[in-house]
Amino acid sequence: MITIKSEREIDLMRRAGKVTALAHQAVAENIRPGIMTLELDKIAEEVIRSHDCTPAFLHYQGYPASVCISINEEIVHGIPSTRVLKEGDIVSVDIGAIYKGYFGDAANTYPVGAVSAEAQRLIDVTKQSFWQGVEYAKAGARLGDISHTIQAYVEANGFSIVRDYVGHGIGSAMHESPSIPNYGTAGRGVVLRENMTLAIEPMVNQGTHEVRVLDDGWTAVTLDNKLSAHYEHTLLIKSDTYEILTMGH
């Protein structure tokens, strides 16, 4: 069941989205060689709680931290720890906030100090694939138009798109219908309608698209241990365009 949001619900999601963006900003300002991922988790949690929100991921299906922090070959769901970031790492940070029962969800991959040209290209292509895809995020388009465009852009740039994890509807639950794969066929899938809210999140790998999950039961890594990047925003479908709800202003 795909929900169409009321104006009140959209306003609450805007608030949750804005706080998610503020938490990202704080994390981005603190990412540097020598910092522990646990410290970044605490920084994000503090921002979220100080703005009357709750961290969306904390205890979600038993997840033990407030944000997901995935380094290098880790794709998603990396658990913050005493691990220290090093020069040349890339770090994917996924943050969610809940405001009065409504969710915001956004992810970005950040370079730690100076990174290799290829690592930077992976980050850039991942981010750009999102923007290519959301050109089709408007009422009357089909979900497959977004999925296909993301996949085509990523593969044209020599990278692979993760298939085991996908984007999702979002609102009064973190994961609502529909599922939003980052691959697929144009002209297929759900017809988008005004006031749907979606979290679109390409996850892009340097090598194979295949993944495995570590013994912690959460951290997904690339099967060949090559780098992975992640980019996500929560957005609102409008009649002829979209609004990003998780952008800092």
Protein backbone atom coordinates (compact mmCIF):
# COMPACT_ATOMS: atom_id res chain seq x y z
CA MET A 1 0.00 0.00 0.00
CA ILE A 2 1.61 3.27 -1.15
CA THR A 3 0.52 6.21 0.96
CA ILE A 4 -0.23 9.69 -0.37
CA LYS A 5 0.78 12.21 2.29
CA SER A 6 -1.35 15.07 3.62
CA GLU A 7 0.05 18.61 3.91
CA ARG A 8 0.40 18.08 7.67
CA GLU A 9 2.39 14.89 7.15
CA ILE A 10 4.60 16.57 4.55
CA ASP A 11 5.36 19.42 6.98
CA LEU A 12 6.41 16.92 9.66
CA MET A 13 8.62 15.13 7.12
CA ARG A 14 10.17 18.45 6.09
CA ARG A 15 11.11 19.01 9.71
CA ALA A 16 12.55 15.49 10.08
CA GLY A 17 14.40 15.98 6.79
CA LYS A 18 15.87 19.31 7.80
CA VAL A 19 17.23 17.83 11.04
CA THR A 20 18.66 14.87 9.10
CA ALA A 21 20.47 17.41 6.91
CA LEU A 22 21.79 19.30 9.97
CA ALA A 23 23.17 16.05 11.39
CA HIS A 24 24.92 15.35 8.06
CA GLN A 25 26.40 18.82 8.09
CA ALA A 26 27.81 18.29 11.60
CA VAL A 27 29.28 14.90 10.64
CA ALA A 28 30.78 16.31 7.42
CA GLU A 29 32.49 19.08 9.42
CA ASN A 30 34.09 16.51 11.73
CA ILE A 31 35.18 13.79 9.29
CA ARG A 32 38.98 13.75 9.26
CA PRO A 33 41.85 11.30 9.70
CA GLY A 34 42.12 10.27 13.37
CA ILE A 35 38.46 10.45 14.39
CA MET A 36 36.62 7.32 15.57
CA THR A 37 33.36 6.44 13.84
CA LEU A 38 31.76 6.20 17.29
CA GLU A 39 32.52 9.90 17.78
CA LEU A 40 30.72 10.73 14.52
CA ASP A 41 27.74 8.68 15.69
CA LYS A 42 27.57 10.72 18.92
CA ILE A 43 27.83 14.03 17.01
CA ALA A 44 24.90 13.07 14.77
CA GLU A 45 22.80 11.81 17.68
CA GLU A 46 23.37 15.04 19.61
CA VAL A 47 22.19 17.17 16.68
CA ILE A 48 19.12 14.99 16.15
CA ARG A 49 18.07 15.02 19.82
CA SER A 50 18.77 18.74 20.27
CA HIS A 51 16.18 19.46 17.55
CA ASP A 52 13.34 17.48 19.18
CA CYS A 53 13.89 14.44 16.99
CA THR A 54 14.84 10.82 17.66
CA PRO A 55 17.54 8.88 15.77
CA ALA A 56 15.59 6.69 13.33
CA PHE A 57 18.06 3.82 13.23
CA LEU A 58 18.75 3.35 16.96
CA HIS A 59 17.26 -0.05 17.97
CA TYR A 60 15.56 -0.36 14.55
CA GLN A 61 15.29 -4.16 14.19
CA GLY A 62 17.97 -4.31 16.88
CA TYR A 63 20.49 -1.96 15.22
CA PRO A 64 22.86 -0.78 18.00
CA ALA A 65 23.75 2.80 16.93
CA SER A 66 22.19 6.09 15.82
CA VAL A 67 23.74 6.22 12.34
CA CYS A 68 25.23 3.75 9.86
CA ILE A 69 28.89 4.41 9.02
CA SER A 70 30.42 2.23 6.29
CA ILE A 71 34.10 2.53 5.35
CA ASN A 72 35.72 1.71 1.98
CA GLU A 73 34.47 -1.76 0.90
CA GLU A 74 31.54 -1.54 3.35
CA ILE A 75 28.37 -0.74 1.39
CA VAL A 76 25.73 -0.10 4.05
CA HIS A 77 24.84 -0.74 7.70
CA GLY A 78 28.39 -0.40 9.06
CA ILE A 79 28.24 -0.13 12.86
CA PRO A 80 30.09 2.81 14.49
CA SER A 81 32.98 1.65 16.67
CA THR A 82 36.39 2.66 17.99
CA ARG A 83 37.77 2.23 14.45
CA VAL A 84 39.70 5.34 13.45
CA LEU A 85 39.35 6.93 10.01
CA LYS A 86 42.55 7.16 7.97
CA GLU A 87 43.70 9.50 5.22
CA GLY A 88 42.45 8.13 1.90
CA ASP A 89 39.42 6.28 3.32
CA ILE A 90 35.96 6.94 1.94
CA VAL A 91 33.13 6.80 4.46
CA SER A 92 29.41 6.38 3.74
CA VAL A 93 27.19 7.90 6.41
CA ASP A 94 23.47 7.11 6.51
CA ILE A 95 21.37 9.20 8.91
CA GLY A 96 17.67 9.14 9.78
CA ALA A 97 15.60 11.30 12.12
CA ILE A 98 12.03 10.97 13.40
CA TYR A 99 9.91 14.05 14.19
CA LYS A 100 6.47 13.45 15.72
CA GLY A 101 6.31 10.02 14.14
CA TYR A 102 7.57 10.99 10.66
CA PHE A 103 10.90 10.08 9.09
CA GLY A 104 13.74 11.71 7.16
CA ASP A 105 16.51 9.55 5.67
CA ALA A 106 19.65 10.61 3.79
CA ALA A 107 23.12 9.24 3.03
CA ASN A 108 26.35 10.58 1.57
CA THR A 109 29.86 9.27 1.00
CA TYR A 110 32.64 11.54 2.22
CA PRO A 111 36.37 11.49 1.40
CA VAL A 112 38.68 11.37 4.43
CA GLY A 113 41.50 13.80 3.68
CA ALA A 114 43.01 13.29 0.22
CA VAL A 115 41.61 10.24 -1.62
CA SER A 116 42.61 8.55 -4.87
CA ALA A 117 41.22 9.91 -8.14
CA GLU A 118 39.32 6.66 -8.66
CA ALA A 119 37.75 6.82 -5.18
CA GLN A 120 36.66 10.41 -5.82
CA ARG A 121 35.22 9.42 -9.22
CA LEU A 122 33.19 6.66 -7.53
CA ILE A 123 31.78 9.19 -5.03
CA ASP A 124 30.97 11.66 -7.83
CA VAL A 125 29.31 9.09 -10.12
CA THR A 126 27.20 7.73 -7.24
CA LYS A 127 25.94 11.21 -6.37
CA GLN A 128 25.33 12.15 -10.00
CA SER A 129 23.42 8.90 -10.65
CA PHE A 130 20.91 10.02 -8.01
CA TRP A 131 20.43 13.40 -9.71
CA GLN A 132 20.11 11.73 -13.13
CA GLY A 133 17.43 9.40 -11.75
CA VAL A 134 15.33 12.02 -9.97
CA GLU A 135 14.85 13.91 -13.24
CA TYR A 136 11.97 11.42 -13.55
CA ALA A 137 10.63 11.98 -10.04
CA LYS A 138 7.33 13.63 -10.91
CA ALA A 139 3.67 12.68 -11.09
CA GLY A 140 2.86 10.45 -14.07
CA ALA A 141 6.36 9.01 -14.48
CA ARG A 142 7.02 5.38 -13.64
CA LEU A 143 9.32 4.13 -10.92
CA GLY A 144 11.25 2.11 -13.52
CA ASP A 145 12.23 5.37 -15.25
CA ILE A 146 14.18 6.40 -12.14
CA SER A 147 15.66 2.92 -11.59
CA HIS A 148 16.72 2.47 -15.22
CA THR A 149 18.33 5.92 -15.45
CA ILE A 150 20.42 5.36 -12.31
CA GLN A 151 21.62 1.97 -13.54
CA ALA A 152 22.43 3.21 -17.04
CA TYR A 153 24.48 6.15 -15.74
CA VAL A 154 26.43 4.02 -13.25
CA GLU A 155 27.22 1.27 -15.75
CA ALA A 156 28.18 3.76 -18.49
CA ASN A 157 30.81 5.00 -16.03
CA GLY A 158 32.24 1.51 -15.51
CA PHE A 159 30.83 0.84 -12.04
CA SER A 160 28.17 -1.62 -10.83
CA ILE A 161 24.89 -1.03 -9.02
CA VAL A 162 24.07 -2.96 -5.85
CA ARG A 163 20.95 -5.14 -6.24
CA ASP A 164 20.61 -6.62 -2.74
CA TYR A 165 19.64 -3.27 -1.20
CA VAL A 166 17.14 -0.79 -2.62
CA GLY A 167 15.44 2.52 -1.92
CA HIS A 168 11.96 2.69 -0.41
CA GLY A 169 8.84 4.66 0.30
CA ILE A 170 9.04 6.58 3.58
CA GLY A 171 6.69 8.47 5.89
CA SER A 172 5.30 7.33 9.24
CA ALA A 173 7.55 4.27 8.85
CA MET A 174 11.14 4.25 7.69
CA HIS A 175 10.45 1.61 5.06
CA GLU A 176 7.12 1.86 3.25
CA SER A 177 5.98 0.66 -0.16
CA PRO A 178 7.17 0.82 -2.86
CA SER A 179 10.64 -0.76 -3.00
CA ILE A 180 12.83 1.31 -5.32
CA PRO A 181 15.56 -0.71 -7.04
CA ASN A 182 18.46 1.23 -8.56
CA TYR A 183 18.23 -0.93 -11.68
CA GLY A 184 15.38 -1.91 -13.97
CA THR A 185 13.42 -1.15 -17.11
CA ALA A 186 12.14 2.28 -18.14
CA GLY A 187 8.37 2.56 -18.52
CA ARG A 188 7.71 -0.18 -15.94
CA GLY A 189 6.63 -0.16 -12.33
CA VAL A 190 4.40 2.01 -10.17
CA VAL A 191 3.05 5.25 -11.62
CA LEU A 192 4.22 8.12 -9.41
CA ARG A 193 1.56 10.34 -7.89
CA GLU A 194 1.64 13.76 -6.29
CA ASN A 195 2.49 13.71 -2.55
CA MET A 196 4.15 10.31 -2.56
CA THR A 197 7.38 10.42 -0.51
CA LEU A 198 10.35 8.29 -1.53
CA ALA A 199 13.88 7.61 -0.32
CA ILE A 200 16.02 7.06 -3.42
CA GLU A 201 19.50 5.70 -2.68
CA PRO A 202 21.94 4.39 -5.25
CA MET A 203 24.69 2.16 -3.80
CA VAL A 204 27.53 1.85 -6.31
CA ASN A 205 30.50 -0.52 -6.32
CA GLN A 206 33.89 -0.22 -7.99
CA GLY A 207 33.92 -3.92 -8.93
CA THR A 208 31.24 -6.58 -8.70
CA HIS A 209 27.71 -5.68 -7.57
CA GLU A 210 27.69 -8.76 -5.34
CA VAL A 211 27.73 -8.39 -1.57
CA ARG A 212 28.19 -10.39 1.60
CA VAL A 213 27.18 -9.58 5.18
CA LEU A 214 29.79 -9.74 7.95
CA ASP A 215 29.44 -11.79 11.12
CA ASP A 216 27.97 -8.82 13.00
CA GLY A 217 24.78 -9.51 11.03
CA TRP A 218 24.62 -5.92 9.75
CA THR A 219 27.63 -4.71 7.78
CA ALA A 220 27.30 -5.41 4.05
CA VAL A 221 30.58 -5.42 2.10
CA THR A 222 31.52 -5.85 -1.54
CA LEU A 223 32.29 -9.47 -2.41
CA ASP A 224 35.62 -8.49 -4.02
CA ASN A 225 36.55 -5.97 -1.26
CA LYS A 226 36.60 -3.07 -3.74
CA LEU A 227 35.22 0.33 -2.78
CA SER A 228 31.53 1.22 -2.50
CA ALA A 229 29.69 4.57 -2.28
CA HIS A 230 26.14 5.55 -1.27
CA TYR A 231 23.98 8.63 -1.85
CA GLU A 232 20.39 9.14 -0.67
CA HIS A 233 17.74 11.77 -0.15
CA THR A 234 14.10 11.72 0.92
CA LEU A 235 11.93 13.45 -1.66
CA LEU A 236 8.35 14.51 -2.27
CA ILE A 237 6.73 13.92 -5.66
CA LYS A 238 5.01 17.01 -7.04
CA SER A 239 2.86 17.43 -10.15
CA ASP A 240 5.72 18.32 -12.49
CA THR A 241 8.86 18.06 -10.34
CA TYR A 242 10.06 16.96 -6.88
CA GLU A 243 11.15 18.54 -3.61
CA ILE A 244 14.14 17.20 -1.67
CA LEU A 245 13.13 17.03 1.99
CA THR A 246 16.60 16.23 3.37
CA MET A 247 18.60 19.17 1.97
CA GLY A 248 20.26 21.63 4.34
CA HIS A 249 19.15 25.25 3.88
